[in-house]
Amino acid sequence: MGSRSSPRKREAIRRQTLQRKVELDAERRRRDELEVEFATDFQVALADRVAAREAERAAEVAMGGAVDRMIGQLRLSYDRVAELCQAEVKELQRLRQLAAETARPVVARSAADSPPSPASPRLEGAPAGDDRGA
């Protein structure tokens, strides 16, 4: 009896083992897919964060430019600008400084790349409101 039932038991156990392997392999594939999905979610969010920070910086530079024009062209005090913009004076000073620092490298690169001339195409691309050449 042992020799007859042994091959059957072996086959039944083999089928169970194969079924378990199929289930484990499927679970492993699901986990692998989830790993890829979650890592992709992270990378997309990271790229979104970088874009958001760049957009925030661009907005702050624009805000600083507006502050600079109010103080430089209109000769308003920081206190008056703070009232108008509903912002703290220190924040306005920071934004104005950021705008000034952002504008400087563009002018410095243009001057270093080519000698100044009235027909220089690099100077035509200078940011609006740059009164240095006027």
C-alpha atoms as a PDB file:
ATOM      1  CA  MET A   1       0.000   0.000   0.000  1.00  0.00           C
ATOM      2  CA  GLY A   2       2.862   2.417   0.758  1.00  0.00           C
ATOM      3  CA  SER A   3       4.263   2.183  -2.751  1.00  0.00           C
ATOM      4  CA  ARG A   4       0.877   2.789  -4.427  1.00  0.00           C
ATOM      5  CA  SER A   5      -0.187   5.767  -2.295  1.00  0.00           C
ATOM      6  CA  SER A   6       3.208   7.432  -2.306  1.00  0.00           C
ATOM      7  CA  PRO A   7       3.123   8.564  -5.968  1.00  0.00           C
ATOM      8  CA  ARG A   8      -0.416   9.933  -5.490  1.00  0.00           C
ATOM      9  CA  LYS A   9       0.528  11.773  -2.329  1.00  0.00           C
ATOM     10  CA  ARG A  10       3.621  13.101  -4.043  1.00  0.00           C
ATOM     11  CA  GLU A  11       1.568  14.339  -7.010  1.00  0.00           C
ATOM     12  CA  ALA A  12      -1.026  15.964  -4.736  1.00  0.00           C
ATOM     13  CA  ILE A  13       1.708  17.685  -2.724  1.00  0.00           C
ATOM     14  CA  ARG A  14       3.454  18.714  -5.946  1.00  0.00           C
ATOM     15  CA  ARG A  15       0.222  20.304  -7.257  1.00  0.00           C
ATOM     16  CA  GLN A  16      -0.272  22.126  -3.948  1.00  0.00           C
ATOM     17  CA  THR A  17       3.317  23.362  -4.050  1.00  0.00           C
ATOM     18  CA  LEU A  18       2.944  24.543  -7.650  1.00  0.00           C
ATOM     19  CA  GLN A  19      -0.316  26.317  -6.765  1.00  0.00           C
ATOM     20  CA  ARG A  20       1.370  28.009  -3.808  1.00  0.00           C
ATOM     21  CA  LYS A  21       4.276  29.065  -6.035  1.00  0.00           C
ATOM     22  CA  VAL A  22       1.844  30.557  -8.572  1.00  0.00           C
ATOM     23  CA  GLU A  23       0.115  32.467  -5.757  1.00  0.00           C
ATOM     24  CA  LEU A  24       3.430  33.679  -4.325  1.00  0.00           C
ATOM     25  CA  ASP A  25       4.663  34.735  -7.769  1.00  0.00           C
ATOM     26  CA  ALA A  26       1.434  36.663  -8.378  1.00  0.00           C
ATOM     27  CA  GLU A  27       1.757  38.372  -5.000  1.00  0.00           C
ATOM     28  CA  ARG A  28       5.383  39.227  -5.757  1.00  0.00           C
ATOM     29  CA  ARG A  29       4.335  40.764  -9.118  1.00  0.00           C
ATOM     30  CA  ARG A  30       1.623  42.836  -7.371  1.00  0.00           C
ATOM     31  CA  ARG A  31       4.164  44.065  -4.826  1.00  0.00           C
ATOM     32  CA  ASP A  32       6.663  44.870  -7.582  1.00  0.00           C
ATOM     33  CA  GLU A  33       3.990  46.833  -9.436  1.00  0.00           C
ATOM     34  CA  LEU A  34       3.079  48.704  -6.251  1.00  0.00           C
ATOM     35  CA  GLU A  35       6.740  49.508  -5.623  1.00  0.00           C
ATOM     36  CA  VAL A  36       6.994  51.011  -9.095  1.00  0.00           C
ATOM     37  CA  GLU A  37       3.714  52.913  -8.671  1.00  0.00           C
ATOM     38  CA  PHE A  38       4.700  54.349  -5.287  1.00  0.00           C
ATOM     39  CA  ALA A  39       8.182  55.284  -6.488  1.00  0.00           C
ATOM     40  CA  THR A  40       6.584  56.951  -9.523  1.00  0.00           C
ATOM     41  CA  ASP A  41       4.182  58.852  -7.258  1.00  0.00           C
ATOM     42  CA  PHE A  42       7.164  60.064  -5.254  1.00  0.00           C
ATOM     43  CA  GLN A  43       9.095  61.189  -8.335  1.00  0.00           C
ATOM     44  CA  VAL A  44       6.064  62.994  -9.787  1.00  0.00           C
ATOM     45  CA  ALA A  45       5.480  64.783  -6.468  1.00  0.00           C
ATOM     46  CA  LEU A  46       9.167  65.680  -6.316  1.00  0.00           C
ATOM     47  CA  ALA A  47       9.012  67.203  -9.804  1.00  0.00           C
ATOM     48  CA  ASP A  48       5.824  69.058  -8.813  1.00  0.00           C
ATOM     49  CA  ARG A  49       7.590  70.405  -5.733  1.00  0.00           C
ATOM     50  CA  VAL A  50      10.518  71.647  -7.820  1.00  0.00           C
ATOM     51  CA  ALA A  51       8.115  73.353 -10.241  1.00  0.00           C
ATOM     52  CA  ALA A  52       6.149  74.871  -7.351  1.00  0.00           C
ATOM     53  CA  ARG A  53       9.323  76.239  -5.782  1.00  0.00           C
ATOM     54  CA  GLU A  54      10.393  77.703  -9.115  1.00  0.00           C
ATOM     55  CA  ALA A  55       6.953  79.273  -9.534  1.00  0.00           C
ATOM     56  CA  GLU A  56       7.082  80.622  -5.993  1.00  0.00           C
ATOM     57  CA  ARG A  57      10.484  82.168  -6.637  1.00  0.00           C
ATOM     58  CA  ALA A  58       9.279  83.722  -9.900  1.00  0.00           C
ATOM     59  CA  ALA A  59       6.257  85.165  -8.078  1.00  0.00           C
ATOM     60  CA  GLU A  60       8.469  86.541  -5.320  1.00  0.00           C
ATOM     61  CA  VAL A  61      10.792  88.140  -7.874  1.00  0.00           C
ATOM     62  CA  ALA A  62       7.768  89.751  -9.562  1.00  0.00           C
ATOM     63  CA  MET A  63       6.481  90.942  -6.177  1.00  0.00           C
ATOM     64  CA  GLY A  64       9.922  92.364  -5.390  1.00  0.00           C
ATOM     65  CA  GLY A  65       9.958  94.161  -8.721  1.00  0.00           C
ATOM     66  CA  ALA A  66       6.613  95.756  -7.889  1.00  0.00           C
ATOM     67  CA  VAL A  67       7.917  96.821  -4.478  1.00  0.00           C
ATOM     68  CA  ASP A  68      11.026  98.240  -6.124  1.00  0.00           C
ATOM     69  CA  ARG A  69       8.936 100.281  -8.568  1.00  0.00           C
ATOM     70  CA  MET A  70       6.715 101.634  -5.783  1.00  0.00           C
ATOM     71  CA  ILE A  71       9.729 102.670  -3.722  1.00  0.00           C
ATOM     72  CA  GLY A  72      12.071 103.657  -6.574  1.00  0.00           C
ATOM     73  CA  GLN A  73       9.726 105.280  -9.077  1.00  0.00           C
ATOM     74  CA  LEU A  74       6.890 106.499  -6.877  1.00  0.00           C
ATOM     75  CA  ARG A  75       9.181 107.263  -3.929  1.00  0.00           C
ATOM     76  CA  LEU A  76       6.822 105.607  -1.444  1.00  0.00           C
ATOM     77  CA  SER A  77       8.105 104.616   1.989  1.00  0.00           C
ATOM     78  CA  TYR A  78       8.290 100.991   3.040  1.00  0.00           C
ATOM     79  CA  ASP A  79       5.589 101.744   5.610  1.00  0.00           C
ATOM     80  CA  ARG A  80       3.226 103.060   2.899  1.00  0.00           C
ATOM     81  CA  VAL A  81       3.936 100.072   0.636  1.00  0.00           C
ATOM     82  CA  ALA A  82       3.337  97.744   3.602  1.00  0.00           C
ATOM     83  CA  GLU A  83      -0.065  99.364   4.134  1.00  0.00           C
ATOM     84  CA  LEU A  84      -0.980  99.137   0.465  1.00  0.00           C
ATOM     85  CA  CYS A  85       0.177  95.551   0.056  1.00  0.00           C
ATOM     86  CA  GLN A  86      -0.871  94.339   3.496  1.00  0.00           C
ATOM     87  CA  ALA A  87       2.587  92.946   4.126  1.00  0.00           C
ATOM     88  CA  GLU A  88       5.354  93.301   6.688  1.00  0.00           C
ATOM     89  CA  VAL A  89       8.141  95.781   5.970  1.00  0.00           C
ATOM     90  CA  LYS A  90      10.803  93.055   6.465  1.00  0.00           C
ATOM     91  CA  GLU A  91       9.068  90.860   3.868  1.00  0.00           C
ATOM     92  CA  LEU A  92       8.934  93.763   1.408  1.00  0.00           C
ATOM     93  CA  GLN A  93      12.639  94.418   1.952  1.00  0.00           C
ATOM     94  CA  ARG A  94      13.419  90.736   1.379  1.00  0.00           C
ATOM     95  CA  LEU A  95      11.376  90.642  -1.823  1.00  0.00           C
ATOM     96  CA  ARG A  96      12.946  93.842  -3.153  1.00  0.00           C
ATOM     97  CA  GLN A  97      16.424  92.460  -2.414  1.00  0.00           C
ATOM     98  CA  LEU A  98      15.548  89.166  -4.131  1.00  0.00           C
ATOM     99  CA  ALA A  99      14.391  91.042  -7.241  1.00  0.00           C
ATOM    100  CA  ALA A 100      17.584  93.113  -7.259  1.00  0.00           C
ATOM    101  CA  GLU A 101      19.796  90.026  -6.861  1.00  0.00           C
ATOM    102  CA  THR A 102      17.927  88.217  -9.610  1.00  0.00           C
ATOM    103  CA  ALA A 103      18.286  91.109 -12.049  1.00  0.00           C
ATOM    104  CA  ARG A 104      22.032  91.617 -11.509  1.00  0.00           C
ATOM    105  CA  PRO A 105      23.399  88.359 -13.012  1.00  0.00           C
ATOM    106  CA  VAL A 106      21.509  88.900 -16.284  1.00  0.00           C
ATOM    107  CA  VAL A 107      23.110  92.327 -16.756  1.00  0.00           C
ATOM    108  CA  ALA A 108      26.551  91.084 -15.657  1.00  0.00           C
ATOM    109  CA  ARG A 109      26.472  88.166 -18.099  1.00  0.00           C
ATOM    110  CA  SER A 110      25.409  90.382 -20.973  1.00  0.00           C
ATOM    111  CA  ALA A 111      28.214  92.842 -20.294  1.00  0.00           C
ATOM    112  CA  ALA A 112      30.793  90.067 -19.980  1.00  0.00           C
ATOM    113  CA  ASP A 113      29.699  88.195 -23.118  1.00  0.00           C
ATOM    114  CA  SER A 114      29.889  91.114 -25.518  1.00  0.00           C
ATOM    115  CA  PRO A 115      31.068  94.697 -25.476  1.00  0.00           C
ATOM    116  CA  PRO A 116      28.211  97.173 -24.940  1.00  0.00           C
ATOM    117  CA  SER A 117      26.888  98.668 -28.132  1.00  0.00           C
ATOM    118  CA  PRO A 118      23.578 100.292 -29.068  1.00  0.00           C
ATOM    119  CA  ALA A 119      22.791  97.499 -31.539  1.00  0.00           C
ATOM    120  CA  SER A 120      23.688  94.591 -29.225  1.00  0.00           C
ATOM    121  CA  PRO A 121      20.989  91.883 -29.456  1.00  0.00           C
ATOM    122  CA  ARG A 122      21.751  90.765 -25.895  1.00  0.00           C
ATOM    123  CA  LEU A 123      20.803  94.151 -24.491  1.00  0.00           C
ATOM    124  CA  GLU A 124      17.517  94.075 -26.392  1.00  0.00           C
ATOM    125  CA  GLY A 125      16.561  91.004 -24.372  1.00  0.00           C
ATOM    126  CA  ALA A 126      17.148  92.754 -21.040  1.00  0.00           C
ATOM    127  CA  PRO A 127      14.251  92.671 -18.579  1.00  0.00           C
ATOM    128  CA  ALA A 128      11.651  95.421 -18.837  1.00  0.00           C
ATOM    129  CA  GLY A 129      12.138  98.269 -16.435  1.00  0.00           C
ATOM    130  CA  ASP A 130      15.925  98.049 -16.495  1.00  0.00           C
ATOM    131  CA  ASP A 131      16.888 101.716 -16.414  1.00  0.00           C
ATOM    132  CA  ARG A 132      20.655 101.133 -16.313  1.00  0.00           C
ATOM    133  CA  GLY A 133      21.171 101.692 -20.022  1.00  0.00           C
ATOM    134  CA  ALA A 134      18.902 104.759 -20.272  1.00  0.00           C
END
